C-alpha atoms as a PDB file:
ATOM      1  CA  MET A   1      27.393  -3.912   6.416  1.00  0.00           C
ATOM      2  CA  HIS A   2      25.397  -0.649   6.633  1.00  0.00           C
ATOM      3  CA  HIS A   3      22.953  -0.050   3.055  1.00  0.00           C
ATOM      4  CA  ALA A   4      21.885   3.478   2.162  1.00  0.00           C
ATOM      5  CA  SER A   5      18.633   4.115   2.695  1.00  0.00           C
ATOM      6  CA  CYS A   6      16.393   5.265   0.530  1.00  0.00           C
ATOM      7  CA  LEU A   7      13.063   5.683   2.232  1.00  0.00           C
ATOM      8  CA  GLN A   8      13.204   8.124   5.393  1.00  0.00           C
ATOM      9  CA  GLY A   9      10.224   8.729   7.964  1.00  0.00           C
ATOM     10  CA  LYS A  10       6.847   7.486   8.691  1.00  0.00           C
ATOM     11  CA  GLY A  11       4.567   5.562   6.298  1.00  0.00           C
ATOM     12  CA  LEU A  12       0.320   4.932   6.719  1.00  0.00           C
ATOM     13  CA  TRP A  13      -1.323   2.282   4.855  1.00  0.00           C
ATOM     14  CA  LEU A  14      -4.582   2.976   3.409  1.00  0.00           C
ATOM     15  CA  SER A  15      -6.990   0.453   2.096  1.00  0.00           C
ATOM     16  CA  PHE A  16      -9.780   2.425   0.988  1.00  0.00           C
ATOM     17  CA  SER A  17     -10.130   6.010  -0.887  1.00  0.00           C
ATOM     18  CA  GLY A  18     -12.965   6.528   1.192  1.00  0.00           C
ATOM     19  CA  ASP A  19     -11.030   6.828   4.021  1.00  0.00           C
ATOM     20  CA  LEU A  20      -8.683   9.194   2.956  1.00  0.00           C
ATOM     21  CA  ASP A  21      -9.994  12.162   4.597  1.00  0.00           C
ATOM     22  CA  GLY A  22      -9.194  10.286   7.986  1.00  0.00           C
ATOM     23  CA  ALA A  23      -5.961   8.853   6.732  1.00  0.00           C
ATOM     24  CA  LEU A  24      -4.668  12.789   5.929  1.00  0.00           C
ATOM     25  CA  GLU A  25      -6.400  13.313   9.539  1.00  0.00           C
ATOM     26  CA  MET A  26      -3.779  10.489  11.215  1.00  0.00           C
ATOM     27  CA  ALA A  27      -0.901  11.498   9.052  1.00  0.00           C
ATOM     28  CA  ALA A  28      -0.460  14.683  10.342  1.00  0.00           C
ATOM     29  CA  ALA A  29      -1.384  13.776  13.925  1.00  0.00           C
ATOM     30  CA  ILE A  30       1.531  11.315  13.665  1.00  0.00           C
ATOM     31  CA  GLY A  31       4.061  13.087  11.656  1.00  0.00           C
ATOM     32  CA  ALA A  32       3.457  11.031   8.397  1.00  0.00           C
ATOM     33  CA  THR A  33       5.298  11.375   5.345  1.00  0.00           C
ATOM     34  CA  HIS A  34       4.212   8.747   3.255  1.00  0.00           C
ATOM     35  CA  LEU A  35       0.857   7.745   2.046  1.00  0.00           C
ATOM     36  CA  ILE A  36       0.909   3.425   1.111  1.00  0.00           C
ATOM     37  CA  TYR A  37      -2.509   3.192  -1.075  1.00  0.00           C
ATOM     38  CA  ARG A  38      -3.897   0.329  -1.974  1.00  0.00           C
ATOM     39  CA  VAL A  39      -4.073   0.704  -5.916  1.00  0.00           C
ATOM     40  CA  GLY A  40      -5.291  -2.142  -6.995  1.00  0.00           C
ATOM     41  CA  MET A  41      -6.221  -5.887  -6.859  1.00  0.00           C
ATOM     42  CA  ARG A  42      -5.847  -9.428  -8.554  1.00  0.00           C
ATOM     43  CA  GLY A  43      -4.109  -7.546 -11.672  1.00  0.00           C
ATOM     44  CA  MET A  44      -7.291  -4.953 -11.546  1.00  0.00           C
ATOM     45  CA  PHE A  45      -6.277  -0.944 -11.115  1.00  0.00           C
ATOM     46  CA  PHE A  46      -8.468   1.135  -9.570  1.00  0.00           C
ATOM     47  CA  VAL A  47      -6.765   4.214 -11.616  1.00  0.00           C
ATOM     48  CA  GLU A  48      -9.874   7.059 -10.785  1.00  0.00           C
ATOM     49  CA  ALA A  49      -9.169   6.103  -7.052  1.00  0.00           C
ATOM     50  CA  ALA A  50      -5.373   6.186  -7.921  1.00  0.00           C
ATOM     51  CA  ARG A  51      -5.274   8.987  -9.459  1.00  0.00           C
ATOM     52  CA  TRP A  52      -7.180  10.736  -7.098  1.00  0.00           C
ATOM     53  CA  VAL A  53      -5.424   9.889  -3.855  1.00  0.00           C
ATOM     54  CA  GLU A  54      -1.882  10.441  -5.855  1.00  0.00           C
ATOM     55  CA  GLY A  55      -3.045  14.226  -6.000  1.00  0.00           C
ATOM     56  CA  ARG A  56      -4.435  14.695  -2.741  1.00  0.00           C
ATOM     57  CA  ALA A  57      -1.564  12.845  -1.135  1.00  0.00           C
ATOM     58  CA  ARG A  58       1.012  15.343  -2.698  1.00  0.00           C
ATOM     59  CA  GLN A  59      -1.183  18.716  -1.853  1.00  0.00           C
ATOM     60  CA  ALA A  60      -1.389  16.996   1.432  1.00  0.00           C
ATOM     61  CA  GLY A  61       2.663  16.979   1.504  1.00  0.00           C
ATOM     62  CA  LEU A  62       2.723  13.167   1.538  1.00  0.00           C
ATOM     63  CA  VAL A  63       5.323  11.172  -0.806  1.00  0.00           C
ATOM     64  CA  PRO A  64       2.541   8.415  -2.392  1.00  0.00           C
ATOM     65  CA  LEU A  65       3.789   4.782  -2.690  1.00  0.00           C
ATOM     66  CA  ALA A  66       1.660   2.557  -4.232  1.00  0.00           C
ATOM     67  CA  TRP A  67       0.237  -0.528  -1.890  1.00  0.00           C
ATOM     68  CA  VAL A  68      -0.433  -3.728  -4.464  1.00  0.00           C
ATOM     69  CA  PRO A  69      -1.242  -7.173  -2.926  1.00  0.00           C
ATOM     70  CA  LEU A  70      -0.409  -9.956  -4.931  1.00  0.00           C
ATOM     71  CA  ALA A  71      -2.259 -13.277  -5.708  1.00  0.00           C
ATOM     72  CA  LEU A  72       0.512 -14.347  -8.236  1.00  0.00           C
ATOM     73  CA  ASN A  73      -2.386 -15.838 -10.057  1.00  0.00           C
ATOM     74  CA  ASP A  74      -1.637 -13.475 -13.382  1.00  0.00           C
ATOM     75  CA  PRO A  75       1.655 -11.959 -12.871  1.00  0.00           C
ATOM     76  CA  PHE A  76       1.408 -10.184 -16.161  1.00  0.00           C
ATOM     77  CA  ALA A  77      -1.628  -8.428 -15.022  1.00  0.00           C
ATOM     78  CA  GLU A  78       0.155  -7.722 -11.720  1.00  0.00           C
ATOM     79  CA  ALA A  79       3.217  -6.432 -13.123  1.00  0.00           C
ATOM     80  CA  SER A  80       1.402  -4.373 -15.527  1.00  0.00           C
ATOM     81  CA  LEU A  81      -0.598  -2.593 -12.461  1.00  0.00           C
ATOM     82  CA  VAL A  82       2.792  -1.606 -10.907  1.00  0.00           C
ATOM     83  CA  LEU A  83       3.578  -0.190 -13.621  1.00  0.00           C
ATOM     84  CA  LYS A  84       0.600   1.820 -14.071  1.00  0.00           C
ATOM     85  CA  ALA A  85       0.505   2.602 -10.475  1.00  0.00           C
ATOM     86  CA  LEU A  86       4.007   4.472 -10.961  1.00  0.00           C
ATOM     87  CA  GLN A  87       3.420   5.896 -14.569  1.00  0.00           C
ATOM     88  CA  VAL A  88       0.823   8.033 -12.460  1.00  0.00           C
ATOM     89  CA  GLY A  89       3.114   9.337 -10.362  1.00  0.00           C
ATOM     90  CA  TYR A  90       3.948   6.949  -7.198  1.00  0.00           C
ATOM     91  CA  ASN A  91       7.170   7.188  -6.039  1.00  0.00           C
ATOM     92  CA  GLY A  92       6.984   3.712  -5.460  1.00  0.00           C
ATOM     93  CA  ALA A  93       5.080   0.410  -5.337  1.00  0.00           C
ATOM     94  CA  VAL A  94       4.863  -2.168  -1.895  1.00  0.00           C
ATOM     95  CA  LEU A  95       4.566  -5.546  -3.260  1.00  0.00           C
ATOM     96  CA  GLU A  96       2.217  -7.533  -0.262  1.00  0.00           C
ATOM     97  CA  VAL A  97       2.871 -11.175  -0.259  1.00  0.00           C
ATOM     98  CA  ARG A  98       1.085 -13.420   1.827  1.00  0.00           C
ATOM     99  CA  LYS A  99      -0.858 -16.428   1.905  1.00  0.00           C
ATOM    100  CA  ASP A 100      -2.726 -15.291  -1.267  1.00  0.00           C
ATOM    101  CA  ALA A 101       0.871 -16.057  -3.137  1.00  0.00           C
ATOM    102  CA  ALA A 102       2.190 -19.184  -0.936  1.00  0.00           C
ATOM    103  CA  GLY A 103       3.894 -21.697  -3.315  1.00  0.00           C
ATOM    104  CA  LYS A 104       3.436 -19.114  -6.395  1.00  0.00           C
ATOM    105  CA  THR A 105       7.367 -19.510  -6.904  1.00  0.00           C
ATOM    106  CA  VAL A 106       7.567 -19.351 -10.770  1.00  0.00           C
ATOM    107  CA  ALA A 107       4.904 -16.730 -10.866  1.00  0.00           C
ATOM    108  CA  ALA A 108       6.664 -14.505  -8.676  1.00  0.00           C
ATOM    109  CA  ALA A 109      10.188 -14.859 -10.584  1.00  0.00           C
ATOM    110  CA  THR A 110       8.080 -14.185 -14.128  1.00  0.00           C
ATOM    111  CA  LEU A 111       6.421 -10.698 -12.071  1.00  0.00           C
ATOM    112  CA  ALA A 112      10.243  -9.950 -11.106  1.00  0.00           C
ATOM    113  CA  ARG A 113      11.323 -10.366 -14.754  1.00  0.00           C
ATOM    114  CA  GLN A 114       8.704  -8.496 -16.218  1.00  0.00           C
ATOM    115  CA  LEU A 115       9.041  -5.666 -14.148  1.00  0.00           C
ATOM    116  CA  LEU A 116      12.778  -5.535 -14.760  1.00  0.00           C
ATOM    117  CA  GLU A 117      12.827  -5.783 -18.294  1.00  0.00           C
ATOM    118  CA  SER A 118       9.987  -3.193 -18.372  1.00  0.00           C
ATOM    119  CA  GLY A 119      12.778  -1.149 -16.409  1.00  0.00           C
ATOM    120  CA  ALA A 120      10.911  -0.354 -13.551  1.00  0.00           C
ATOM    121  CA  GLU A 121      13.524   0.972 -10.955  1.00  0.00           C
ATOM    122  CA  LYS A 122      14.514  -1.710  -8.698  1.00  0.00           C
ATOM    123  CA  GLY A 123      15.178   0.506  -5.669  1.00  0.00           C
ATOM    124  CA  ARG A 124      11.790   1.885  -5.862  1.00  0.00           C
ATOM    125  CA  LEU A 125      10.207  -1.583  -5.560  1.00  0.00           C
ATOM    126  CA  TYR A 126       9.635  -2.929  -1.925  1.00  0.00           C
ATOM    127  CA  CYS A 127       8.463  -6.594  -0.834  1.00  0.00           C
ATOM    128  CA  ALA A 128       6.259  -6.938   2.750  1.00  0.00           C
ATOM    129  CA  SER A 129       5.536  -9.757   3.898  1.00  0.00           C
ATOM    130  CA  ASP A 130       5.495 -11.636   7.540  1.00  0.00           C
ATOM    131  CA  PRO A 131       8.934 -11.830   8.791  1.00  0.00           C
ATOM    132  CA  ASP A 132       9.373 -15.295   9.003  1.00  0.00           C
ATOM    133  CA  VAL A 133      10.098 -16.144   5.983  1.00  0.00           C
ATOM    134  CA  TRP A 134      13.228 -18.577   6.457  1.00  0.00           C
ATOM    135  CA  ARG A 135      10.847 -20.621   7.827  1.00  0.00           C
ATOM    136  CA  ARG A 136       8.666 -20.351   5.036  1.00  0.00           C
ATOM    137  CA  PRO A 137       9.917 -20.704   1.337  1.00  0.00           C
ATOM    138  CA  GLU A 138       6.597 -21.272   0.127  1.00  0.00           C
ATOM    139  CA  ILE A 139       6.552 -17.288   0.216  1.00  0.00           C
ATOM    140  CA  PRO A 140       8.220 -16.190  -3.066  1.00  0.00           C
ATOM    141  CA  CYS A 141       9.853 -13.688  -1.058  1.00  0.00           C
ATOM    142  CA  ARG A 142      13.294 -14.714  -2.154  1.00  0.00           C
ATOM    143  CA  GLU A 143      12.387 -14.540  -6.129  1.00  0.00           C
ATOM    144  CA  LEU A 144      10.599 -11.414  -5.669  1.00  0.00           C
ATOM    145  CA  SER A 145      13.340  -9.846  -4.060  1.00  0.00           C
ATOM    146  CA  GLN A 146      15.108  -9.817  -7.476  1.00  0.00           C
ATOM    147  CA  ALA A 147      13.079  -6.622  -8.646  1.00  0.00           C
ATOM    148  CA  CYS A 148      12.343  -5.425  -5.011  1.00  0.00           C
ATOM    149  CA  GLN A 149      15.869  -4.166  -4.040  1.00  0.00           C
ATOM    150  CA  GLY A 150      14.377  -1.206  -1.978  1.00  0.00           C
ATOM    151  CA  GLY A 151      14.012  -2.990   0.659  1.00  0.00           C
ATOM    152  CA  LEU A 152      11.570  -5.682   2.565  1.00  0.00           C
ATOM    153  CA  MET A 153       8.645  -4.693   5.433  1.00  0.00           C
ATOM    154  CA  PRO A 154       8.034  -7.164   7.323  1.00  0.00           C
ATOM    155  CA  PHE A 155       5.241  -7.124   9.575  1.00  0.00           C
ATOM    156  CA  CYS A 156       5.508  -6.518  13.059  1.00  0.00           C
ATOM    157  CA  PHE A 157       1.946  -7.106  14.396  1.00  0.00           C
ATOM    158  CA  PRO A 158       0.921  -9.001  17.533  1.00  0.00           C
ATOM    159  CA  SER A 159      -1.557 -11.011  15.673  1.00  0.00           C
ATOM    160  CA  LEU A 160       1.866 -13.510  14.664  1.00  0.00           C
ATOM    161  CA  ARG A 161       1.464 -14.653  18.502  1.00  0.00           C
ATOM    162  CA  ARG A 162       5.257 -13.844  19.600  1.00  0.00           C
ATOM    163  CA  THR A 163       6.920 -11.275  21.598  1.00  0.00           C
ATOM    164  CA  PRO A 164       7.809  -8.186  20.475  1.00  0.00           C
ATOM    165  CA  HIS A 165      11.472  -8.822  21.073  1.00  0.00           C
ATOM    166  CA  THR A 166      11.127 -12.385  18.807  1.00  0.00           C
ATOM    167  CA  VAL A 167       9.056 -10.675  16.134  1.00  0.00           C
ATOM    168  CA  VAL A 168      10.940  -7.688  15.791  1.00  0.00           C
ATOM    169  CA  GLU A 169      14.732  -8.226  17.243  1.00  0.00           C
ATOM    170  CA  LYS A 170      15.217 -11.587  15.839  1.00  0.00           C
ATOM    171  CA  TRP A 171      12.915 -11.999  13.054  1.00  0.00           C
ATOM    172  CA  ALA A 172      12.738  -8.768  11.373  1.00  0.00           C
ATOM    173  CA  TYR A 173      15.857  -7.509  12.302  1.00  0.00           C
ATOM    174  CA  GLY A 174      17.723 -10.927  12.413  1.00  0.00           C
ATOM    175  CA  GLU A 175      16.373 -13.425  10.132  1.00  0.00           C
ATOM    176  CA  CYS A 176      15.051 -11.097   7.051  1.00  0.00           C
ATOM    177  CA  VAL A 177      18.630  -9.687   7.279  1.00  0.00           C
ATOM    178  CA  ARG A 178      20.236 -13.109   6.852  1.00  0.00           C
ATOM    179  CA  CYS A 179      17.832 -14.330   4.441  1.00  0.00           C
ATOM    180  CA  SER A 180      18.165 -10.903   2.188  1.00  0.00           C
ATOM    181  CA  GLN A 181      21.976 -11.311   2.130  1.00  0.00           C
ATOM    182  CA  GLU A 182      21.370 -15.383   0.913  1.00  0.00           C
ATOM    183  CA  TRP A 183      19.319 -13.655  -1.997  1.00  0.00           C
ATOM    184  CA  GLY A 184      21.921 -11.235  -3.092  1.00  0.00           C
ATOM    185  CA  GLY A 185      21.376  -8.365  -0.579  1.00  0.00           C
ATOM    186  CA  PRO A 186      21.583  -7.311   2.327  1.00  0.00           C
ATOM    187  CA  LEU A 187      18.556  -5.494   2.212  1.00  0.00           C
ATOM    188  CA  PRO A 188      17.147  -2.140   4.009  1.00  0.00           C
ATOM    189  CA  ILE A 189      14.838  -2.961   6.535  1.00  0.00           C
ATOM    190  CA  TYR A 190      11.604  -1.119   6.723  1.00  0.00           C
ATOM    191  CA  PRO A 191       9.598  -2.823   9.830  1.00  0.00           C
ATOM    192  CA  VAL A 192       5.555  -2.455   9.738  1.00  0.00           C
ATOM    193  CA  LEU A 193       4.229  -1.581  12.885  1.00  0.00           C
ATOM    194  CA  SER A 194       0.163  -2.565  13.690  1.00  0.00           C
ATOM    195  CA  PRO A 195      -2.370  -3.282  16.803  1.00  0.00           C
ATOM    196  CA  LEU A 196      -3.980  -5.809  15.294  1.00  0.00           C
ATOM    197  CA  ARG A 197      -4.324  -8.889  17.222  1.00  0.00           C
ATOM    198  CA  ASP A 198      -6.693 -10.847  14.783  1.00  0.00           C
ATOM    199  CA  GLU A 199      -6.291  -9.508  11.229  1.00  0.00           C
ATOM    200  CA  GLY A 200      -9.685 -11.739  10.110  1.00  0.00           C
ATOM    201  CA  THR A 201     -11.960  -9.987  13.045  1.00  0.00           C
ATOM    202  CA  GLY A 202      -9.743  -6.542  13.649  1.00  0.00           C
ATOM    203  CA  GLU A 203      -9.360  -7.175  17.072  1.00  0.00           C
ATOM    204  CA  THR A 204      -6.293  -5.107  18.591  1.00  0.00           C
ATOM    205  CA  VAL A 205      -4.640  -4.851  21.741  1.00  0.00           C
ATOM    206  CA  GLY A 206      -4.491  -2.259  24.216  1.00  0.00           C
ATOM    207  CA  VAL A 207      -2.415   1.265  24.712  1.00  0.00           C
ATOM    208  CA  GLU A 208       0.060  -0.821  26.938  1.00  0.00           C
ATOM    209  CA  GLU A 209       0.614  -3.447  24.385  1.00  0.00           C
ATOM    210  CA  PHE A 210       0.959  -1.657  21.467  1.00  0.00           C
ATOM    211  CA  LEU A 211       3.213   0.757  23.253  1.00  0.00           C
ATOM    212  CA  GLN A 212       5.668  -2.612  23.901  1.00  0.00           C
ATOM    213  CA  TRP A 213       5.736  -3.068  19.958  1.00  0.00           C
ATOM    214  CA  ALA A 214       6.245   0.295  19.415  1.00  0.00           C
ATOM    215  CA  GLN A 215       9.180   0.355  21.697  1.00  0.00           C
ATOM    216  CA  ALA A 216      10.807  -2.547  19.963  1.00  0.00           C
ATOM    217  CA  VAL A 217      10.649  -1.140  16.452  1.00  0.00           C
ATOM    218  CA  ALA A 218      12.117   2.103  17.882  1.00  0.00           C
ATOM    219  CA  GLY A 219      14.824   0.320  19.390  1.00  0.00           C
ATOM    220  CA  GLN A 220      16.049  -0.260  16.067  1.00  0.00           C
ATOM    221  CA  GLN A 221      16.065   3.103  14.686  1.00  0.00           C
ATOM    222  CA  PRO A 222      14.890   2.349  11.639  1.00  0.00           C
ATOM    223  CA  GLU A 223      15.266   5.605   8.661  1.00  0.00           C
ATOM    224  CA  PHE A 224      11.273   4.271   7.854  1.00  0.00           C
ATOM    225  CA  PHE A 225       8.851   2.552   9.477  1.00  0.00           C
ATOM    226  CA  SER A 226       5.282   2.330   8.219  1.00  0.00           C
ATOM    227  CA  VAL A 227       1.762   1.901   9.986  1.00  0.00           C
ATOM    228  CA  TYR A 228      -0.619  -0.734   8.813  1.00  0.00           C
ATOM    229  CA  ARG A 229      -3.562   0.536   8.102  1.00  0.00           C
ATOM    230  CA  VAL A 230      -5.961   3.219   8.785  1.00  0.00           C
ATOM    231  CA  GLY A 231      -8.801   2.178  10.762  1.00  0.00           C
ATOM    232  CA  ALA A 232      -7.353  -0.189  12.566  1.00  0.00           C
ATOM    233  CA  VAL A 233      -4.949   2.285  14.830  1.00  0.00           C
ATOM    234  CA  GLY A 234      -7.038   3.990  17.550  1.00  0.00           C
ATOM    235  CA  ARG A 235      -7.219   7.551  17.901  1.00  0.00           C
ATOM    236  CA  GLU A 236      -5.232   6.806  21.514  1.00  0.00           C
ATOM    237  CA  LEU A 237      -2.435   5.226  19.826  1.00  0.00           C
ATOM    238  CA  TRP A 238      -1.639   7.758  18.150  1.00  0.00           C
ATOM    239  CA  PRO A 239       0.645   9.851  20.327  1.00  0.00           C
ATOM    240  CA  ILE A 240       2.741   6.799  20.861  1.00  0.00           C
ATOM    241  CA  LEU A 241       3.344   6.971  17.442  1.00  0.00           C
ATOM    242  CA  ALA A 242       3.942  10.692  16.622  1.00  0.00           C
ATOM    243  CA  ALA A 243       6.518  10.259  20.027  1.00  0.00           C
ATOM    244  CA  MET A 244       8.604   7.434  17.541  1.00  0.00           C
ATOM    245  CA  GLY A 245      11.114   9.115  14.703  1.00  0.00           C
ATOM    246  CA  PRO A 246      13.241   9.402  13.068  1.00  0.00           C
ATOM    247  CA  THR A 247      13.189  12.965  12.243  1.00  0.00           C
ATOM    248  CA  PRO A 248      11.581  13.319   8.829  1.00  0.00           C
ATOM    249  CA  ALA A 249      13.925  14.047   5.617  1.00  0.00           C
ATOM    250  CA  PRO A 250      13.172  15.986   3.157  1.00  0.00           C
ATOM    251  CA  PHE A 251      12.086  13.308  -0.065  1.00  0.00           C
ATOM    252  CA  PRO A 252      12.973  13.934  -3.581  1.00  0.00           C
ATOM    253  CA  GLU A 253      10.404  15.073  -5.901  1.00  0.00           C
ATOM    254  CA  ARG A 254       9.895  12.575  -8.684  1.00  0.00           C
ATOM    255  CA  LYS A 255      11.957  12.522 -11.761  1.00  0.00           C
ATOM    256  CA  PRO A 256      10.379  14.612 -14.513  1.00  0.00           C
ATOM    257  CA  ALA A 257      10.457  11.284 -16.882  1.00  0.00           C
ATOM    258  CA  GLU A 258       8.373   9.983 -14.140  1.00  0.00           C
ATOM    259  CA  THR A 259       5.457  12.536 -15.014  1.00  0.00           C
ATOM    260  CA  PRO A 260       3.057  10.891 -17.151  1.00  0.00           C
ATOM    261  CA  PRO A 261       2.566  11.041 -21.058  1.00  0.00           C
ATOM    262  CA  ALA A 262       0.751  13.970 -21.934  1.00  0.00           C
ATOM    263  CA  GLU A 263      -2.150  12.177 -23.207  1.00  0.00           C
ATOM    264  CA  GLU A 264      -2.858  11.066 -19.774  1.00  0.00           C
ATOM    265  CA  PRO A 265      -5.767  12.737 -18.228  1.00  0.00           C
ATOM    266  CA  SER A 266      -4.989  14.376 -14.815  1.00  0.00           C
ATOM    267  CA  PRO A 267      -5.306  13.217 -11.408  1.00  0.00           C
ATOM    268  CA  LEU A 268      -9.181  15.284 -11.194  1.00  0.00           C
ATOM    269  CA  PRO A 269      -9.563  16.075 -14.498  1.00  0.00           C
ATOM    270  CA  SER A 270     -11.244  19.710 -15.414  1.00  0.00           C
ATOM    271  CA  ILE A 271     -14.252  18.170 -17.486  1.00  0.00           C
ATOM    272  CA  ALA A 272     -15.027  15.718 -14.837  1.00  0.00           C
ATOM    273  CA  ARG A 273     -18.278  15.880 -13.349  1.00  0.00           C
ATOM    274  CA  TYR A 274     -19.519  13.947 -10.070  1.00  0.00           C
ATOM    275  CA  HIS A 275     -22.441  12.905  -8.674  1.00  0.00           C
ATOM    276  CA  VAL A 276     -22.882  12.218  -4.677  1.00  0.00           C
ATOM    277  CA  VAL A 277     -24.947   9.337  -4.660  1.00  0.00           C
ATOM    278  CA  THR A 278     -28.071   9.337  -2.172  1.00  0.00           C
ATOM    279  CA  VAL A 279     -30.670   6.431  -1.050  1.00  0.00           C
ATOM    280  CA  ASN A 280     -33.193   6.881  -3.674  1.00  0.00           C
ATOM    281  CA  ASP A 281     -30.179   6.713  -6.705  1.00  0.00           C
ATOM    282  CA  THR A 282     -30.181   3.693  -8.837  1.00  0.00           C
ATOM    283  CA  LEU A 283     -27.654   3.148 -11.549  1.00  0.00           C
ATOM    284  CA  TRP A 284     -30.458   3.611 -14.144  1.00  0.00           C
ATOM    285  CA  GLY A 285     -31.436   6.771 -12.766  1.00  0.00           C
ATOM    286  CA  ILE A 286     -28.188   8.406 -12.735  1.00  0.00           C
ATOM    287  CA  CYS A 287     -27.280   6.803 -16.006  1.00  0.00           C
ATOM    288  CA  GLN A 288     -30.631   8.501 -17.623  1.00  0.00           C
ATOM    289  CA  ARG A 289     -30.303  11.693 -15.747  1.00  0.00           C
ATOM    290  CA  TYR A 290     -26.651  12.081 -16.992  1.00  0.00           C
ATOM    291  CA  GLY A 291     -27.050  10.775 -20.699  1.00  0.00           C
ATOM    292  CA  ILE A 292     -24.016   8.001 -20.355  1.00  0.00           C
ATOM    293  CA  THR A 293     -24.466   4.281 -20.904  1.00  0.00           C
ATOM    294  CA  ARG A 294     -24.008   1.897 -18.258  1.00  0.00           C
ATOM    295  CA  ALA A 295     -20.163   0.573 -19.631  1.00  0.00           C
ATOM    296  CA  GLN A 296     -19.343   3.998 -19.165  1.00  0.00           C
ATOM    297  CA  PHE A 297     -20.652   4.345 -15.934  1.00  0.00           C
ATOM    298  CA  TRP A 298     -18.749   1.128 -14.590  1.00  0.00           C
ATOM    299  CA  GLU A 299     -15.796   2.278 -16.350  1.00  0.00           C
ATOM    300  CA  TRP A 300     -15.568   5.045 -14.642  1.00  0.00           C
ATOM    301  CA  ASN A 301     -16.620   4.264 -11.413  1.00  0.00           C
ATOM    302  CA  GLY A 302     -16.524   0.073 -10.900  1.00  0.00           C
ATOM    303  CA  HIS A 303     -13.473   0.467  -8.559  1.00  0.00           C
ATOM    304  CA  LEU A 304     -15.568   2.064  -6.213  1.00  0.00           C
ATOM    305  CA  TRP A 305     -16.917  -1.976  -5.851  1.00  0.00           C
ATOM    306  CA  ASP A 306     -13.490  -3.671  -6.242  1.00  0.00           C
ATOM    307  CA  GLU A 307     -11.491  -1.872  -4.068  1.00  0.00           C
ATOM    308  CA  ARG A 308     -13.972  -3.236  -1.443  1.00  0.00           C
ATOM    309  CA  GLY A 309     -14.191  -6.720  -2.777  1.00  0.00           C
ATOM    310  CA  LEU A 310     -18.313  -5.970  -3.845  1.00  0.00           C
ATOM    311  CA  PRO A 311     -19.511  -7.376  -6.942  1.00  0.00           C
ATOM    312  CA  ARG A 312     -20.083  -4.561  -9.365  1.00  0.00           C
ATOM    313  CA  ASP A 313     -24.249  -4.767  -8.748  1.00  0.00           C
ATOM    314  CA  GLU A 314     -26.070  -1.355  -8.143  1.00  0.00           C
ATOM    315  CA  LEU A 315     -27.694  -3.257  -5.042  1.00  0.00           C
ATOM    316  CA  TYR A 316     -24.408  -2.468  -3.414  1.00  0.00           C
ATOM    317  CA  MET A 317     -24.571   1.151  -4.136  1.00  0.00           C
ATOM    318  CA  GLU A 318     -24.134   3.390  -1.216  1.00  0.00           C
ATOM    319  CA  ALA A 319     -25.313   6.530  -0.355  1.00  0.00           C
ATOM    320  CA  GLY A 320     -22.564   9.239   0.268  1.00  0.00           C
ATOM    321  CA  TRP A 321     -20.445   7.467  -2.763  1.00  0.00           C
ATOM    322  CA  ARG A 322     -19.052   9.589  -5.448  1.00  0.00           C
ATOM    323  CA  VAL A 323     -19.470   8.556  -8.588  1.00  0.00           C
ATOM    324  CA  ARG A 324     -18.099   9.967 -12.236  1.00  0.00           C
ATOM    325  CA  VAL A 325     -21.073  10.838 -14.176  1.00  0.00           C
ATOM    326  CA  GLY A 326     -19.013  12.689 -17.075  1.00  0.00           C
END
């Protein structure tokens, strides 16, 4: 059965807003059409960073998609995170479900129900996971698929320790399709390509081995595939990705109904003031200089710590960070 695809082109996954300039450079070099940005973690929405990335992506001609890694410890908070990203202006949300979500089938079903009851458009929600879902029922893709009708994004990584043929053809385009049919599908398959041999250490494969993975994905002629992630893909691999299809098609503008409510601030408020951190700056000194409270500082800038997995402590403040101060 042919499934009409909503996504067309190439996506690029971005973990940190601080790497946005590099992401935009890479996107232009490989002909990417979409930017998939991690907008939050553990139910916490990186609101300032999410707005900034969404605005910059659109200025660069890219379609922004929200990347939401699921832990499923609080499905209500994570459902709210997805909805906030859509409200800000992201065209869709990619729900990453891996080991952190293992065994949490009830929470996954709860999250899916929350999204459906909120009126979120099922066709703009996607489920990303390792491709061996049929032998890992503890990974709750089945439950999430009730809401994520946009498609499945199986990770096709060398870290899976199988050949490209096995991972791409047998698993992603074989077992994932079969499983989605059992879940009420079939759903579109949008493979995710990466050179990562070890996600923990960041070790990657060389050009020749990566080319085999790229050829395996290209052989399936996907209407959309994505690359995981900025920082893991060396420049020597960019020509391979640039040579891969599909031919991008224009992506429709978001509907007027998706425009943030009037009371929402714009992605970069004109009245906002920013300060670039130097090595001699302290949190106390910045607050004193600009006449703001510590609570206000953390409300505006906590995402800089959160999205790096750092505790909110000024000891971890880094020179070069752009912090909001007004």
